[in-house]
Amino acid sequence: MKTDQLTNMVKGWFVGRFTPTVLSTNDVEVAVKHYKKGDYESAHYHKIATEITVIISGRVKMNGIEYGSNDIIVMEPGETTDFECVEDNTVNVVVKHPGANNDKYTN
């Protein structure tokens, strides 16, 4: 058995081709991400990967649409989104398939 802490991972990414990671693979990337109100990521897209965001708690805004707990947002390759946290203590799970390093592009 192997154990670790999410706080040891870079930006919550714990599966994928990262250092450190608990499972090194290019097949998929998985993260648990914690945000505070006002955290923002500018618009980006992926050419290869599909990115799935599951809102566990809190509220976020993506492309001007607000999402909350239990919402699942699927961004297909080529679709652009920004990200803004609108509530403190927001937690998301993010899955990228396949795990494609350097597959993040800005407009």
PDB file of N, CA and C in Angstrom:
ATOM      1  N   MET A   1       0.857  -1.182   0.000  1.00  0.00           N
ATOM      2  CA  MET A   1       0.000   0.000   0.000  1.00  0.00           C
ATOM      3  C   MET A   1       0.892   1.231   0.000  1.00  0.00           C
ATOM      4  N   LYS A   2       0.464   2.202  -0.771  1.00  0.00           N
ATOM      5  CA  LYS A   2       1.176   3.475  -0.847  1.00  0.00           C
ATOM      6  C   LYS A   2       0.214   4.564  -0.397  1.00  0.00           C
ATOM      7  N   THR A   3       0.699   5.546   0.354  1.00  0.00           N
ATOM      8  CA  THR A   3      -0.133   6.672   0.777  1.00  0.00           C
ATOM      9  C   THR A   3       0.597   7.975   0.491  1.00  0.00           C
ATOM     10  N   ASP A   4      -0.171   9.029   0.396  1.00  0.00           N
ATOM     11  CA  ASP A   4       0.375  10.362   0.193  1.00  0.00           C
ATOM     12  C   ASP A   4      -0.657  11.359   0.664  1.00  0.00           C
ATOM     13  N   GLN A   5      -0.422  12.627   0.450  1.00  0.00           N
ATOM     14  CA  GLN A   5      -1.342  13.694   0.827  1.00  0.00           C
ATOM     15  C   GLN A   5      -1.620  14.562  -0.388  1.00  0.00           C
ATOM     16  N   LEU A   6      -2.867  14.955  -0.567  1.00  0.00           N
ATOM     17  CA  LEU A   6      -3.231  15.837  -1.667  1.00  0.00           C
ATOM     18  C   LEU A   6      -2.434  17.135  -1.613  1.00  0.00           C
ATOM     19  N   THR A   7      -2.115  17.593  -0.407  1.00  0.00           N
ATOM     20  CA  THR A   7      -1.355  18.837  -0.254  1.00  0.00           C
ATOM     21  C   THR A   7       0.070  18.724  -0.808  1.00  0.00           C
ATOM     22  N   ASN A   8       0.549  17.511  -1.023  1.00  0.00           N
ATOM     23  CA  ASN A   8       1.875  17.314  -1.625  1.00  0.00           C
ATOM     24  C   ASN A   8       1.852  17.421  -3.148  1.00  0.00           C
ATOM     25  N   MET A   9       0.678  17.379  -3.741  1.00  0.00           N
ATOM     26  CA  MET A   9       0.552  17.378  -5.188  1.00  0.00           C
ATOM     27  C   MET A   9       0.540  18.808  -5.733  1.00  0.00           C
ATOM     28  N   VAL A  10       0.941  18.974  -6.961  1.00  0.00           N
ATOM     29  CA  VAL A  10       0.985  20.292  -7.593  1.00  0.00           C
ATOM     30  C   VAL A  10      -0.414  20.662  -8.081  1.00  0.00           C
ATOM     31  N   LYS A  11      -0.977  21.729  -7.498  1.00  0.00           N
ATOM     32  CA  LYS A  11      -2.298  22.252  -7.857  1.00  0.00           C
ATOM     33  C   LYS A  11      -3.384  21.185  -7.819  1.00  0.00           C
ATOM     34  N   GLY A  12      -3.228  20.180  -6.957  1.00  0.00           N
ATOM     35  CA  GLY A  12      -4.250  19.156  -6.786  1.00  0.00           C
ATOM     36  C   GLY A  12      -4.178  17.990  -7.751  1.00  0.00           C
ATOM     37  N   TRP A  13      -3.283  18.027  -8.729  1.00  0.00           N
ATOM     38  CA  TRP A  13      -3.167  16.947  -9.725  1.00  0.00           C
ATOM     39  C   TRP A  13      -2.441  15.764  -9.094  1.00  0.00           C
ATOM     40  N   PHE A  14      -3.139  14.630  -8.955  1.00  0.00           N
ATOM     41  CA  PHE A  14      -2.538  13.474  -8.302  1.00  0.00           C
ATOM     42  C   PHE A  14      -2.438  12.233  -9.190  1.00  0.00           C
ATOM     43  N   VAL A  15      -3.071  12.250 -10.363  1.00  0.00           N
ATOM     44  CA  VAL A  15      -2.905  11.189 -11.358  1.00  0.00           C
ATOM     45  C   VAL A  15      -2.531  11.853 -12.666  1.00  0.00           C
ATOM     46  N   GLY A  16      -1.503  11.352 -13.304  1.00  0.00           N
ATOM     47  CA  GLY A  16      -1.051  11.899 -14.582  1.00  0.00           C
ATOM     48  C   GLY A  16       0.457  11.959 -14.625  1.00  0.00           C
ATOM     49  N   ARG A  17       0.972  12.585 -15.642  1.00  0.00           N
ATOM     50  CA  ARG A  17       2.414  12.682 -15.834  1.00  0.00           C
ATOM     51  C   ARG A  17       2.930  13.915 -15.116  1.00  0.00           C
ATOM     52  N   PHE A  18       2.867  13.874 -13.761  1.00  0.00           N
ATOM     53  CA  PHE A  18       3.286  14.984 -12.914  1.00  0.00           C
ATOM     54  C   PHE A  18       4.339  14.498 -11.932  1.00  0.00           C
ATOM     55  N   THR A  19       5.016  15.430 -11.308  1.00  0.00           N
ATOM     56  CA  THR A  19       5.933  15.112 -10.221  1.00  0.00           C
ATOM     57  C   THR A  19       5.643  16.056  -9.074  1.00  0.00           C
ATOM     58  N   PRO A  20       5.195  15.558  -7.942  1.00  0.00           N
ATOM     59  CA  PRO A  20       4.930  14.158  -7.644  1.00  0.00           C
ATOM     60  C   PRO A  20       3.568  13.719  -8.174  1.00  0.00           C
ATOM     61  N   THR A  21       3.327  12.432  -8.164  1.00  0.00           N
ATOM     62  CA  THR A  21       2.038  11.853  -8.531  1.00  0.00           C
ATOM     63  C   THR A  21       1.887  10.523  -7.817  1.00  0.00           C
ATOM     64  N   VAL A  22       0.669  10.037  -7.667  1.00  0.00           N
ATOM     65  CA  VAL A  22       0.470   8.708  -7.093  1.00  0.00           C
ATOM     66  C   VAL A  22       0.331   7.657  -8.180  1.00  0.00           C
ATOM     67  N   LEU A  23       0.044   8.099  -9.428  1.00  0.00           N
ATOM     68  CA  LEU A  23      -0.014   7.206 -10.578  1.00  0.00           C
ATOM     69  C   LEU A  23       0.458   7.971 -11.802  1.00  0.00           C
ATOM     70  N   SER A  24       1.608   7.613 -12.300  1.00  0.00           N
ATOM     71  CA  SER A  24       2.176   8.283 -13.472  1.00  0.00           C
ATOM     72  C   SER A  24       1.658   7.616 -14.737  1.00  0.00           C
ATOM     73  N   THR A  25       0.862   8.370 -15.510  1.00  0.00           N
ATOM     74  CA  THR A  25       0.261   7.842 -16.725  1.00  0.00           C
ATOM     75  C   THR A  25      -0.076   8.986 -17.664  1.00  0.00           C
ATOM     76  N   ASN A  26      -0.094   8.704 -18.948  1.00  0.00           N
ATOM     77  CA  ASN A  26      -0.591   9.672 -19.930  1.00  0.00           C
ATOM     78  C   ASN A  26      -2.024   9.355 -20.342  1.00  0.00           C
ATOM     79  N   ASP A  27      -2.588   8.275 -19.779  1.00  0.00           N
ATOM     80  CA  ASP A  27      -3.940   7.870 -20.154  1.00  0.00           C
ATOM     81  C   ASP A  27      -5.001   8.836 -19.649  1.00  0.00           C
ATOM     82  N   VAL A  28      -4.766   9.422 -18.480  1.00  0.00           N
ATOM     83  CA  VAL A  28      -5.754  10.302 -17.857  1.00  0.00           C
ATOM     84  C   VAL A  28      -5.036  11.185 -16.835  1.00  0.00           C
ATOM     85  N   GLU A  29      -5.632  12.335 -16.533  1.00  0.00           N
ATOM     86  CA  GLU A  29      -5.156  13.200 -15.460  1.00  0.00           C
ATOM     87  C   GLU A  29      -6.328  13.464 -14.529  1.00  0.00           C
ATOM     88  N   VAL A  30      -6.077  13.448 -13.221  1.00  0.00           N
ATOM     89  CA  VAL A  30      -7.140  13.663 -12.240  1.00  0.00           C
ATOM     90  C   VAL A  30      -6.629  14.607 -11.153  1.00  0.00           C
ATOM     91  N   ALA A  31      -7.481  15.564 -10.783  1.00  0.00           N
ATOM     92  CA  ALA A  31      -7.126  16.519  -9.726  1.00  0.00           C
ATOM     93  C   ALA A  31      -8.322  16.787  -8.828  1.00  0.00           C
ATOM     94  N   VAL A  32      -8.027  17.103  -7.576  1.00  0.00           N
ATOM     95  CA  VAL A  32      -8.995  17.699  -6.662  1.00  0.00           C
ATOM     96  C   VAL A  32      -8.471  19.099  -6.410  1.00  0.00           C
ATOM     97  N   LYS A  33      -9.267  20.097  -6.790  1.00  0.00           N
ATOM     98  CA  LYS A  33      -8.801  21.475  -6.757  1.00  0.00           C
ATOM     99  C   LYS A  33      -9.628  22.275  -5.750  1.00  0.00           C
ATOM    100  N   HIS A  34      -8.942  23.057  -4.937  1.00  0.00           N
ATOM    101  CA  HIS A  34      -9.576  23.909  -3.924  1.00  0.00           C
ATOM    102  C   HIS A  34      -9.389  25.369  -4.333  1.00  0.00           C
ATOM    103  N   TYR A  35     -10.473  26.151  -4.242  1.00  0.00           N
ATOM    104  CA  TYR A  35     -10.446  27.543  -4.673  1.00  0.00           C
ATOM    105  C   TYR A  35     -11.032  28.458  -3.611  1.00  0.00           C
ATOM    106  N   LYS A  36     -10.626  29.720  -3.698  1.00  0.00           N
ATOM    107  CA  LYS A  36     -11.274  30.754  -2.888  1.00  0.00           C
ATOM    108  C   LYS A  36     -11.923  31.750  -3.851  1.00  0.00           C
ATOM    109  N   LYS A  37     -12.897  32.475  -3.345  1.00  0.00           N
ATOM    110  CA  LYS A  37     -13.618  33.450  -4.153  1.00  0.00           C
ATOM    111  C   LYS A  37     -12.629  34.385  -4.844  1.00  0.00           C
ATOM    112  N   GLY A  38     -12.838  34.585  -6.142  1.00  0.00           N
ATOM    113  CA  GLY A  38     -11.991  35.476  -6.920  1.00  0.00           C
ATOM    114  C   GLY A  38     -10.891  34.773  -7.692  1.00  0.00           C
ATOM    115  N   ASP A  39     -10.587  33.502  -7.349  1.00  0.00           N
ATOM    116  CA  ASP A  39      -9.601  32.773  -8.148  1.00  0.00           C
ATOM    117  C   ASP A  39     -10.093  32.725  -9.589  1.00  0.00           C
ATOM    118  N   TYR A  40      -9.184  32.932 -10.520  1.00  0.00           N
ATOM    119  CA  TYR A  40      -9.570  33.081 -11.927  1.00  0.00           C
ATOM    120  C   TYR A  40      -8.539  32.427 -12.832  1.00  0.00           C
ATOM    121  N   GLU A  41      -9.027  31.819 -13.883  1.00  0.00           N
ATOM    122  CA  GLU A  41      -8.168  31.266 -14.920  1.00  0.00           C
ATOM    123  C   GLU A  41      -8.683  31.795 -16.252  1.00  0.00           C
ATOM    124  N   SER A  42      -7.802  32.390 -17.038  1.00  0.00           N
ATOM    125  CA  SER A  42      -8.233  32.978 -18.307  1.00  0.00           C
ATOM    126  C   SER A  42      -8.642  31.885 -19.298  1.00  0.00           C
ATOM    127  N   ALA A  43      -9.328  32.305 -20.329  1.00  0.00           N
ATOM    128  CA  ALA A  43      -9.865  31.374 -21.325  1.00  0.00           C
ATOM    129  C   ALA A  43      -8.762  30.513 -21.929  1.00  0.00           C
ATOM    130  N   HIS A  44      -9.070  29.235 -22.057  1.00  0.00           N
ATOM    131  CA  HIS A  44      -8.128  28.291 -22.653  1.00  0.00           C
ATOM    132  C   HIS A  44      -8.908  27.147 -23.289  1.00  0.00           C
ATOM    133  N   TYR A  45      -8.221  26.347 -24.071  1.00  0.00           N
ATOM    134  CA  TYR A  45      -8.824  25.160 -24.661  1.00  0.00           C
ATOM    135  C   TYR A  45      -7.754  24.087 -24.809  1.00  0.00           C
ATOM    136  N   HIS A  46      -8.203  22.885 -25.105  1.00  0.00           N
ATOM    137  CA  HIS A  46      -7.305  21.760 -25.341  1.00  0.00           C
ATOM    138  C   HIS A  46      -7.536  21.255 -26.759  1.00  0.00           C
ATOM    139  N   LYS A  47      -6.480  20.903 -27.448  1.00  0.00           N
ATOM    140  CA  LYS A  47      -6.597  20.358 -28.801  1.00  0.00           C
ATOM    141  C   LYS A  47      -6.835  18.856 -28.780  1.00  0.00           C
ATOM    142  N   ILE A  48      -6.354  18.185 -27.732  1.00  0.00           N
ATOM    143  CA  ILE A  48      -6.420  16.725 -27.673  1.00  0.00           C
ATOM    144  C   ILE A  48      -7.393  16.240 -26.609  1.00  0.00           C
ATOM    145  N   ALA A  49      -7.302  16.780 -25.410  1.00  0.00           N
ATOM    146  CA  ALA A  49      -8.013  16.224 -24.252  1.00  0.00           C
ATOM    147  C   ALA A  49      -9.435  16.759 -24.116  1.00  0.00           C
ATOM    148  N   THR A  50     -10.305  15.896 -23.607  1.00  0.00           N
ATOM    149  CA  THR A  50     -11.606  16.287 -23.087  1.00  0.00           C
ATOM    150  C   THR A  50     -11.410  16.560 -21.600  1.00  0.00           C
ATOM    151  N   GLU A  51     -11.928  17.699 -21.111  1.00  0.00           N
ATOM    152  CA  GLU A  51     -11.780  18.060 -19.700  1.00  0.00           C
ATOM    153  C   GLU A  51     -13.144  18.047 -19.034  1.00  0.00           C
ATOM    154  N   ILE A  52     -13.244  17.276 -17.966  1.00  0.00           N
ATOM    155  CA  ILE A  52     -14.495  17.138 -17.215  1.00  0.00           C
ATOM    156  C   ILE A  52     -14.287  17.774 -15.843  1.00  0.00           C
ATOM    157  N   THR A  53     -15.164  18.711 -15.490  1.00  0.00           N
ATOM    158  CA  THR A  53     -15.109  19.361 -14.179  1.00  0.00           C
ATOM    159  C   THR A  53     -16.374  19.002 -13.414  1.00  0.00           C
ATOM    160  N   VAL A  54     -16.197  18.489 -12.210  1.00  0.00           N
ATOM    161  CA  VAL A  54     -17.322  18.172 -11.326  1.00  0.00           C
ATOM    162  C   VAL A  54     -17.236  19.120 -10.134  1.00  0.00           C
ATOM    163  N   ILE A  55     -18.294  19.891  -9.917  1.00  0.00           N
ATOM    164  CA  ILE A  55     -18.325  20.806  -8.778  1.00  0.00           C
ATOM    165  C   ILE A  55     -18.782  20.014  -7.557  1.00  0.00           C
ATOM    166  N   ILE A  56     -17.885  19.865  -6.602  1.00  0.00           N
ATOM    167  CA  ILE A  56     -18.202  19.128  -5.378  1.00  0.00           C
ATOM    168  C   ILE A  56     -18.896  20.049  -4.378  1.00  0.00           C
ATOM    169  N   SER A  57     -18.356  21.248  -4.208  1.00  0.00           N
ATOM    170  CA  SER A  57     -18.979  22.226  -3.313  1.00  0.00           C
ATOM    171  C   SER A  57     -18.610  23.620  -3.793  1.00  0.00           C
ATOM    172  N   GLY A  58     -19.450  24.593  -3.456  1.00  0.00           N
ATOM    173  CA  GLY A  58     -19.207  25.968  -3.849  1.00  0.00           C
ATOM    174  C   GLY A  58     -19.819  26.292  -5.199  1.00  0.00           C
ATOM    175  N   ARG A  59     -19.375  27.435  -5.766  1.00  0.00           N
ATOM    176  CA  ARG A  59     -19.931  27.906  -7.046  1.00  0.00           C
ATOM    177  C   ARG A  59     -18.808  28.462  -7.898  1.00  0.00           C
ATOM    178  N   VAL A  60     -18.932  28.233  -9.209  1.00  0.00           N
ATOM    179  CA  VAL A  60     -17.971  28.748 -10.176  1.00  0.00           C
ATOM    180  C   VAL A  60     -18.725  29.326 -11.357  1.00  0.00           C
ATOM    181  N   LYS A  61     -18.016  30.101 -12.148  1.00  0.00           N
ATOM    182  CA  LYS A  61     -18.578  30.631 -13.385  1.00  0.00           C
ATOM    183  C   LYS A  61     -17.630  30.250 -14.513  1.00  0.00           C
ATOM    184  N   MET A  62     -18.178  29.630 -15.545  1.00  0.00           N
ATOM    185  CA  MET A  62     -17.412  29.251 -16.732  1.00  0.00           C
ATOM    186  C   MET A  62     -18.173  29.761 -17.948  1.00  0.00           C
ATOM    187  N   ASN A  63     -17.494  30.553 -18.786  1.00  0.00           N
ATOM    188  CA  ASN A  63     -18.132  31.142 -19.965  1.00  0.00           C
ATOM    189  C   ASN A  63     -19.402  31.911 -19.607  1.00  0.00           C
ATOM    190  N   GLY A  64     -19.384  32.581 -18.447  1.00  0.00           N
ATOM    191  CA  GLY A  64     -20.509  33.407 -18.042  1.00  0.00           C
ATOM    192  C   GLY A  64     -21.673  32.650 -17.436  1.00  0.00           C
ATOM    193  N   ILE A  65     -21.564  31.335 -17.315  1.00  0.00           N
ATOM    194  CA  ILE A  65     -22.632  30.514 -16.738  1.00  0.00           C
ATOM    195  C   ILE A  65     -22.187  30.052 -15.354  1.00  0.00           C
ATOM    196  N   GLU A  66     -23.078  30.194 -14.373  1.00  0.00           N
ATOM    197  CA  GLU A  66     -22.742  29.810 -13.009  1.00  0.00           C
ATOM    198  C   GLU A  66     -23.142  28.354 -12.758  1.00  0.00           C
ATOM    199  N   TYR A  67     -22.236  27.630 -12.107  1.00  0.00           N
ATOM    200  CA  TYR A  67     -22.456  26.222 -11.774  1.00  0.00           C
ATOM    201  C   TYR A  67     -22.229  26.020 -10.288  1.00  0.00           C
ATOM    202  N   GLY A  68     -22.906  25.013  -9.728  1.00  0.00           N
ATOM    203  CA  GLY A  68     -22.754  24.716  -8.313  1.00  0.00           C
ATOM    204  C   GLY A  68     -22.646  23.231  -8.049  1.00  0.00           C
ATOM    205  N   SER A  69     -22.737  22.897  -6.783  1.00  0.00           N
ATOM    206  CA  SER A  69     -22.571  21.529  -6.310  1.00  0.00           C
ATOM    207  C   SER A  69     -23.341  20.529  -7.169  1.00  0.00           C
ATOM    208  N   ASN A  70     -22.653  19.447  -7.546  1.00  0.00           N
ATOM    209  CA  ASN A  70     -23.176  18.336  -8.343  1.00  0.00           C
ATOM    210  C   ASN A  70     -23.233  18.606  -9.837  1.00  0.00           C
ATOM    211  N   ASP A  71     -22.916  19.808 -10.292  1.00  0.00           N
ATOM    212  CA  ASP A  71     -22.882  20.066 -11.731  1.00  0.00           C
ATOM    213  C   ASP A  71     -21.637  19.433 -12.340  1.00  0.00           C
ATOM    214  N   ILE A  72     -21.793  18.899 -13.554  1.00  0.00           N
ATOM    215  CA  ILE A  72     -20.694  18.313 -14.314  1.00  0.00           C
ATOM    216  C   ILE A  72     -20.611  19.049 -15.634  1.00  0.00           C
ATOM    217  N   ILE A  73     -19.429  19.585 -15.938  1.00  0.00           N
ATOM    218  CA  ILE A  73     -19.212  20.345 -17.167  1.00  0.00           C
ATOM    219  C   ILE A  73     -18.184  19.593 -18.004  1.00  0.00           C
ATOM    220  N   VAL A  74     -18.545  19.273 -19.238  1.00  0.00           N
ATOM    221  CA  VAL A  74     -17.653  18.539 -20.139  1.00  0.00           C
ATOM    222  C   VAL A  74     -17.238  19.463 -21.270  1.00  0.00           C
ATOM    223  N   MET A  75     -15.939  19.721 -21.354  1.00  0.00           N
ATOM    224  CA  MET A  75     -15.381  20.553 -22.424  1.00  0.00           C
ATOM    225  C   MET A  75     -14.659  19.636 -23.410  1.00  0.00           C
ATOM    226  N   GLU A  76     -15.169  19.588 -24.626  1.00  0.00           N
ATOM    227  CA  GLU A  76     -14.575  18.767 -25.679  1.00  0.00           C
ATOM    228  C   GLU A  76     -13.363  19.484 -26.267  1.00  0.00           C
ATOM    229  N   PRO A  77     -12.466  18.752 -26.945  1.00  0.00           N
ATOM    230  CA  PRO A  77     -11.320  19.404 -27.594  1.00  0.00           C
ATOM    231  C   PRO A  77     -11.786  20.550 -28.500  1.00  0.00           C
ATOM    232  N   GLY A  78     -11.092  21.674 -28.403  1.00  0.00           N
ATOM    233  CA  GLY A  78     -11.408  22.848 -29.214  1.00  0.00           C
ATOM    234  C   GLY A  78     -12.386  23.813 -28.584  1.00  0.00           C
ATOM    235  N   GLU A  79     -13.124  23.396 -27.552  1.00  0.00           N
ATOM    236  CA  GLU A  79     -14.055  24.293 -26.872  1.00  0.00           C
ATOM    237  C   GLU A  79     -13.286  25.128 -25.855  1.00  0.00           C
ATOM    238  N   THR A  80     -13.572  26.414 -25.817  1.00  0.00           N
ATOM    239  CA  THR A  80     -12.857  27.352 -24.953  1.00  0.00           C
ATOM    240  C   THR A  80     -13.684  27.673 -23.714  1.00  0.00           C
ATOM    241  N   THR A  81     -13.011  27.773 -22.579  1.00  0.00           N
ATOM    242  CA  THR A  81     -13.674  28.232 -21.355  1.00  0.00           C
ATOM    243  C   THR A  81     -12.704  29.025 -20.494  1.00  0.00           C
ATOM    244  N   ASP A  82     -13.264  29.940 -19.732  1.00  0.00           N
ATOM    245  CA  ASP A  82     -12.525  30.579 -18.653  1.00  0.00           C
ATOM    246  C   ASP A  82     -13.072  29.982 -17.364  1.00  0.00           C
ATOM    247  N   PHE A  83     -12.549  30.431 -16.235  1.00  0.00           N
ATOM    248  CA  PHE A  83     -12.974  29.875 -14.959  1.00  0.00           C
ATOM    249  C   PHE A  83     -12.853  30.949 -13.896  1.00  0.00           C
ATOM    250  N   GLU A  84     -13.922  31.149 -13.132  1.00  0.00           N
ATOM    251  CA  GLU A  84     -13.894  32.078 -12.016  1.00  0.00           C
ATOM    252  C   GLU A  84     -14.590  31.437 -10.824  1.00  0.00           C
ATOM    253  N   CYS A  85     -13.945  31.452  -9.682  1.00  0.00           N
ATOM    254  CA  CYS A  85     -14.559  30.959  -8.456  1.00  0.00           C
ATOM    255  C   CYS A  85     -15.379  32.098  -7.856  1.00  0.00           C
ATOM    256  N   VAL A  86     -16.653  31.848  -7.592  1.00  0.00           N
ATOM    257  CA  VAL A  86     -17.525  32.907  -7.066  1.00  0.00           C
ATOM    258  C   VAL A  86     -17.913  32.685  -5.605  1.00  0.00           C
ATOM    259  N   GLU A  87     -17.361  31.643  -4.982  1.00  0.00           N
ATOM    260  CA  GLU A  87     -17.684  31.359  -3.582  1.00  0.00           C
ATOM    261  C   GLU A  87     -16.468  30.727  -2.914  1.00  0.00           C
ATOM    262  N   ASP A  88     -16.141  31.194  -1.711  1.00  0.00           N
ATOM    263  CA  ASP A  88     -15.033  30.603  -0.960  1.00  0.00           C
ATOM    264  C   ASP A  88     -15.266  29.115  -0.707  1.00  0.00           C
ATOM    265  N   ASN A  89     -14.171  28.404  -0.508  1.00  0.00           N
ATOM    266  CA  ASN A  89     -14.190  26.975  -0.188  1.00  0.00           C
ATOM    267  C   ASN A  89     -14.845  26.132  -1.279  1.00  0.00           C
ATOM    268  N   THR A  90     -14.618  26.508  -2.518  1.00  0.00           N
ATOM    269  CA  THR A  90     -15.113  25.725  -3.646  1.00  0.00           C
ATOM    270  C   THR A  90     -14.143  24.579  -3.918  1.00  0.00           C
ATOM    271  N   VAL A  91     -14.705  23.402  -4.168  1.00  0.00           N
ATOM    272  CA  VAL A  91     -13.903  22.212  -4.456  1.00  0.00           C
ATOM    273  C   VAL A  91     -14.423  21.577  -5.743  1.00  0.00           C
ATOM    274  N   ASN A  92     -13.496  21.292  -6.659  1.00  0.00           N
ATOM    275  CA  ASN A  92     -13.816  20.635  -7.930  1.00  0.00           C
ATOM    276  C   ASN A  92     -12.969  19.392  -8.088  1.00  0.00           C
ATOM    277  N   VAL A  93     -13.483  18.424  -8.810  1.00  0.00           N
ATOM    278  CA  VAL A  93     -12.676  17.321  -9.320  1.00  0.00           C
ATOM    279  C   VAL A  93     -12.564  17.544 -10.818  1.00  0.00           C
ATOM    280  N   VAL A  94     -11.346  17.463 -11.337  1.00  0.00           N
ATOM    281  CA  VAL A  94     -11.110  17.667 -12.762  1.00  0.00           C
ATOM    282  C   VAL A  94     -10.471  16.399 -13.325  1.00  0.00           C
ATOM    283  N   VAL A  95     -11.020  15.937 -14.457  1.00  0.00           N
ATOM    284  CA  VAL A  95     -10.484  14.777 -15.162  1.00  0.00           C
ATOM    285  C   VAL A  95     -10.189  15.197 -16.597  1.00  0.00           C
ATOM    286  N   LYS A  96      -8.977  14.911 -17.053  1.00  0.00           N
ATOM    287  CA  LYS A  96      -8.614  15.161 -18.453  1.00  0.00           C
ATOM    288  C   LYS A  96      -8.301  13.827 -19.118  1.00  0.00           C
ATOM    289  N   HIS A  97      -8.934  13.609 -20.266  1.00  0.00           N
ATOM    290  CA  HIS A  97      -8.718  12.361 -20.992  1.00  0.00           C
ATOM    291  C   HIS A  97      -8.521  12.642 -22.467  1.00  0.00           C
ATOM    292  N   PRO A  98      -7.447  12.174 -23.065  1.00  0.00           N
ATOM    293  CA  PRO A  98      -6.325  11.529 -22.401  1.00  0.00           C
ATOM    294  C   PRO A  98      -5.496  12.560 -21.653  1.00  0.00           C
ATOM    295  N   GLY A  99      -4.565  12.077 -20.852  1.00  0.00           N
ATOM    296  CA  GLY A  99      -3.646  12.964 -20.149  1.00  0.00           C
ATOM    297  C   GLY A  99      -2.639  13.486 -21.140  1.00  0.00           C
ATOM    298  N   ALA A 100      -2.861  14.654 -21.654  1.00  0.00           N
ATOM    299  CA  ALA A 100      -2.009  15.209 -22.724  1.00  0.00           C
ATOM    300  C   ALA A 100      -1.217  16.382 -22.189  1.00  0.00           C
ATOM    301  N   ASN A 101       0.051  16.157 -21.892  1.00  0.00           N
ATOM    302  CA  ASN A 101       0.905  17.239 -21.404  1.00  0.00           C
ATOM    303  C   ASN A 101       1.042  18.335 -22.453  1.00  0.00           C
ATOM    304  N   ASN A 102       1.142  19.566 -21.983  1.00  0.00           N
ATOM    305  CA  ASN A 102       1.303  20.727 -22.868  1.00  0.00           C
ATOM    306  C   ASN A 102       0.166  20.859 -23.873  1.00  0.00           C
ATOM    307  N   ASP A 103      -1.049  20.519 -23.456  1.00  0.00           N
ATOM    308  CA  ASP A 103      -2.218  20.602 -24.331  1.00  0.00           C
ATOM    309  C   ASP A 103      -3.167  21.693 -23.827  1.00  0.00           C
ATOM    310  N   LYS A 104      -2.612  22.832 -23.424  1.00  0.00           N
ATOM    311  CA  LYS A 104      -3.421  23.950 -22.945  1.00  0.00           C
ATOM    312  C   LYS A 104      -3.050  25.171 -23.770  1.00  0.00           C
ATOM    313  N   TYR A 105      -4.053  25.750 -24.438  1.00  0.00           N
ATOM    314  CA  TYR A 105      -3.840  26.844 -25.373  1.00  0.00           C
ATOM    315  C   TYR A 105      -4.743  28.028 -25.018  1.00  0.00           C
ATOM    316  N   THR A 106      -4.230  29.233 -25.230  1.00  0.00           N
ATOM    317  CA  THR A 106      -5.035  30.437 -25.034  1.00  0.00           C
ATOM    318  C   THR A 106      -5.362  31.030 -26.397  1.00  0.00           C
ATOM    319  N   ASN A 107      -6.448  31.765 -26.415  1.00  0.00           N
ATOM    320  CA  ASN A 107      -6.879  32.392 -27.679  1.00  0.00           C
ATOM    321  C   ASN A 107      -6.062  33.617 -27.973  1.00  0.00           C
TER     322      ASN A 107
END
